[in-house]
Amino acid sequence: MPVRHFTRDQLDAWDLPGAWADDSPEILHREQVDARRWVSVHQLIFRAPDDGLTYRVHYEQGLTENQDDTDPWNYDDEIKAVEMEQREVTVTRWMPVGEQP
């Protein structure tokens, strides 16, 4: 599992985790993966503009106006990113009898 460490400055320069700027990296997937009392934890998969590879990072977002100043990177100087690739997988689920998936 290849890992890369980004600095806060790199991610800030790319406008992550928001990525609302025109020159922001391509966001491929964003999903809330956990919730705590005051913050939600999100997974972000993006294509890094410097090497073209795809990475996953986790960030936090405040849940109320009192947490508006929540640091998305939890005050870490380096943010661990795992290199990702898209794969097709088969999922088996329990479904009610007669219901179509």
C-alpha atoms as a PDB file:
ATOM      1  CA  MET A   1       0.000   0.000   0.000  1.00  0.00           C
ATOM      2  CA  PRO A   2       1.908   3.060  -1.239  1.00  0.00           C
ATOM      3  CA  VAL A   3       1.694   6.055   1.098  1.00  0.00           C
ATOM      4  CA  ARG A   4       2.599   9.684   0.511  1.00  0.00           C
ATOM      5  CA  HIS A   5       2.779  12.459   3.084  1.00  0.00           C
ATOM      6  CA  PHE A   6       1.523  15.898   2.057  1.00  0.00           C
ATOM      7  CA  THR A   7       2.302  19.065   3.971  1.00  0.00           C
ATOM      8  CA  ARG A   8      -0.490  21.344   5.115  1.00  0.00           C
ATOM      9  CA  ASP A   9       0.905  24.003   2.752  1.00  0.00           C
ATOM     10  CA  GLN A  10       0.607  21.674  -0.255  1.00  0.00           C
ATOM     11  CA  LEU A  11      -3.013  20.841   0.499  1.00  0.00           C
ATOM     12  CA  ASP A  12      -3.838  24.481   1.262  1.00  0.00           C
ATOM     13  CA  ALA A  13      -2.273  25.558  -2.047  1.00  0.00           C
ATOM     14  CA  TRP A  14      -4.558  23.084  -3.823  1.00  0.00           C
ATOM     15  CA  ASP A  15      -7.570  24.396  -1.857  1.00  0.00           C
ATOM     16  CA  LEU A  16      -8.171  21.032  -0.194  1.00  0.00           C
ATOM     17  CA  PRO A  17     -10.355  19.788   1.362  1.00  0.00           C
ATOM     18  CA  GLY A  18     -12.784  22.342  -0.146  1.00  0.00           C
ATOM     19  CA  ALA A  19     -11.527  22.261  -3.738  1.00  0.00           C
ATOM     20  CA  TRP A  20     -13.797  25.070  -4.882  1.00  0.00           C
ATOM     21  CA  ALA A  21     -11.111  27.004  -6.804  1.00  0.00           C
ATOM     22  CA  ASP A  22     -10.908  26.665 -10.593  1.00  0.00           C
ATOM     23  CA  ASP A  23      -7.370  25.242 -10.389  1.00  0.00           C
ATOM     24  CA  SER A  24      -8.135  22.755  -7.585  1.00  0.00           C
ATOM     25  CA  PRO A  25      -7.321  19.066  -8.062  1.00  0.00           C
ATOM     26  CA  GLU A  26      -9.916  16.752  -9.551  1.00  0.00           C
ATOM     27  CA  ILE A  27     -12.104  15.372  -6.750  1.00  0.00           C
ATOM     28  CA  LEU A  28     -13.065  11.778  -7.519  1.00  0.00           C
ATOM     29  CA  HIS A  29     -14.970  10.852  -4.355  1.00  0.00           C
ATOM     30  CA  ARG A  30     -16.028  12.497  -1.105  1.00  0.00           C
ATOM     31  CA  GLU A  31     -17.834  10.622   1.655  1.00  0.00           C
ATOM     32  CA  GLN A  32     -18.599  11.052   5.351  1.00  0.00           C
ATOM     33  CA  VAL A  33     -17.113   8.016   7.115  1.00  0.00           C
ATOM     34  CA  ASP A  34     -17.574   8.841  10.811  1.00  0.00           C
ATOM     35  CA  ALA A  35     -19.289  11.274  13.154  1.00  0.00           C
ATOM     36  CA  ARG A  36     -18.226  12.407  16.571  1.00  0.00           C
ATOM     37  CA  ARG A  37     -19.913  14.761  18.978  1.00  0.00           C
ATOM     38  CA  TRP A  38     -18.620  17.982  17.393  1.00  0.00           C
ATOM     39  CA  VAL A  39     -17.102  16.956  14.048  1.00  0.00           C
ATOM     40  CA  SER A  40     -17.773  14.695  11.105  1.00  0.00           C
ATOM     41  CA  VAL A  41     -14.925  12.762   9.502  1.00  0.00           C
ATOM     42  CA  HIS A  42     -14.721  12.623   5.720  1.00  0.00           C
ATOM     43  CA  GLN A  43     -12.787  10.618   3.174  1.00  0.00           C
ATOM     44  CA  LEU A  44     -11.573  12.532   0.138  1.00  0.00           C
ATOM     45  CA  ILE A  45     -10.141  10.897  -2.973  1.00  0.00           C
ATOM     46  CA  PHE A  46      -8.436  13.267  -5.381  1.00  0.00           C
ATOM     47  CA  ARG A  47      -5.957  13.298  -8.259  1.00  0.00           C
ATOM     48  CA  ALA A  48      -2.785  15.142  -7.235  1.00  0.00           C
ATOM     49  CA  PRO A  49      -1.860  17.746  -9.845  1.00  0.00           C
ATOM     50  CA  ASP A  50       1.896  17.327  -9.332  1.00  0.00           C
ATOM     51  CA  ASP A  51       2.194  13.593 -10.108  1.00  0.00           C
ATOM     52  CA  GLY A  52      -1.243  12.666 -11.545  1.00  0.00           C
ATOM     53  CA  LEU A  53      -1.746   9.862  -9.003  1.00  0.00           C
ATOM     54  CA  THR A  54      -4.908   9.325  -6.965  1.00  0.00           C
ATOM     55  CA  TYR A  55      -4.816   9.618  -3.162  1.00  0.00           C
ATOM     56  CA  ARG A  56      -7.158   9.236  -0.192  1.00  0.00           C
ATOM     57  CA  VAL A  57      -6.995  11.546   2.812  1.00  0.00           C
ATOM     58  CA  HIS A  58      -9.271  12.001   5.810  1.00  0.00           C
ATOM     59  CA  TYR A  59     -10.336  15.378   7.176  1.00  0.00           C
ATOM     60  CA  GLU A  60     -12.676  16.743   9.837  1.00  0.00           C
ATOM     61  CA  GLN A  61     -15.501  19.253   9.514  1.00  0.00           C
ATOM     62  CA  GLY A  62     -17.197  21.063  12.401  1.00  0.00           C
ATOM     63  CA  LEU A  63     -20.868  20.255  12.895  1.00  0.00           C
ATOM     64  CA  THR A  64     -22.095  23.544  14.376  1.00  0.00           C
ATOM     65  CA  GLU A  65     -21.220  27.213  14.103  1.00  0.00           C
ATOM     66  CA  ASN A  66     -19.211  26.828  17.314  1.00  0.00           C
ATOM     67  CA  GLN A  67     -16.859  24.472  15.462  1.00  0.00           C
ATOM     68  CA  ASP A  68     -16.428  26.655  12.373  1.00  0.00           C
ATOM     69  CA  ASP A  69     -12.732  27.008  13.195  1.00  0.00           C
ATOM     70  CA  THR A  70     -12.154  23.220  13.304  1.00  0.00           C
ATOM     71  CA  ASP A  71      -8.851  22.376  11.662  1.00  0.00           C
ATOM     72  CA  PRO A  72      -9.603  19.881   8.865  1.00  0.00           C
ATOM     73  CA  TRP A  73      -6.222  18.197   9.295  1.00  0.00           C
ATOM     74  CA  ASN A  74      -6.449  17.902  13.088  1.00  0.00           C
ATOM     75  CA  TYR A  75      -3.423  20.215  13.506  1.00  0.00           C
ATOM     76  CA  ASP A  76      -1.065  17.673  11.909  1.00  0.00           C
ATOM     77  CA  ASP A  77       1.949  19.086  10.031  1.00  0.00           C
ATOM     78  CA  GLU A  78       1.962  16.173   7.595  1.00  0.00           C
ATOM     79  CA  ILE A  79      -1.134  14.472   6.260  1.00  0.00           C
ATOM     80  CA  LYS A  80      -0.920  10.782   5.378  1.00  0.00           C
ATOM     81  CA  ALA A  81      -2.369   9.913   1.982  1.00  0.00           C
ATOM     82  CA  VAL A  82      -2.845   6.397   0.627  1.00  0.00           C
ATOM     83  CA  GLU A  83      -2.497   5.883  -3.114  1.00  0.00           C
ATOM     84  CA  MET A  84      -5.783   4.590  -4.536  1.00  0.00           C
ATOM     85  CA  GLU A  85      -7.068   2.874  -7.657  1.00  0.00           C
ATOM     86  CA  GLN A  86     -10.620   2.271  -8.788  1.00  0.00           C
ATOM     87  CA  ARG A  87     -11.746  -1.376  -8.917  1.00  0.00           C
ATOM     88  CA  GLU A  88     -15.059  -3.074  -9.564  1.00  0.00           C
ATOM     89  CA  VAL A  89     -16.228  -5.250  -6.654  1.00  0.00           C
ATOM     90  CA  THR A  90     -19.205  -7.536  -6.076  1.00  0.00           C
ATOM     91  CA  VAL A  91     -21.294  -6.862  -2.972  1.00  0.00           C
ATOM     92  CA  THR A  92     -23.660  -9.361  -1.351  1.00  0.00           C
ATOM     93  CA  ARG A  93     -26.509  -7.902   0.736  1.00  0.00           C
ATOM     94  CA  TRP A  94     -29.509  -9.231   2.610  1.00  0.00           C
ATOM     95  CA  MET A  95     -32.659  -8.126   0.799  1.00  0.00           C
ATOM     96  CA  PRO A  96     -36.380  -8.688   1.457  1.00  0.00           C
ATOM     97  CA  VAL A  97     -37.791 -11.628  -0.480  1.00  0.00           C
ATOM     98  CA  GLY A  98     -39.140 -10.527  -3.842  1.00  0.00           C
ATOM     99  CA  GLU A  99     -37.549  -7.042  -3.764  1.00  0.00           C
ATOM    100  CA  GLN A 100     -35.392  -6.101  -6.731  1.00  0.00           C
ATOM    101  CA  PRO A 101     -31.953  -4.608  -6.039  1.00  0.00           C
END
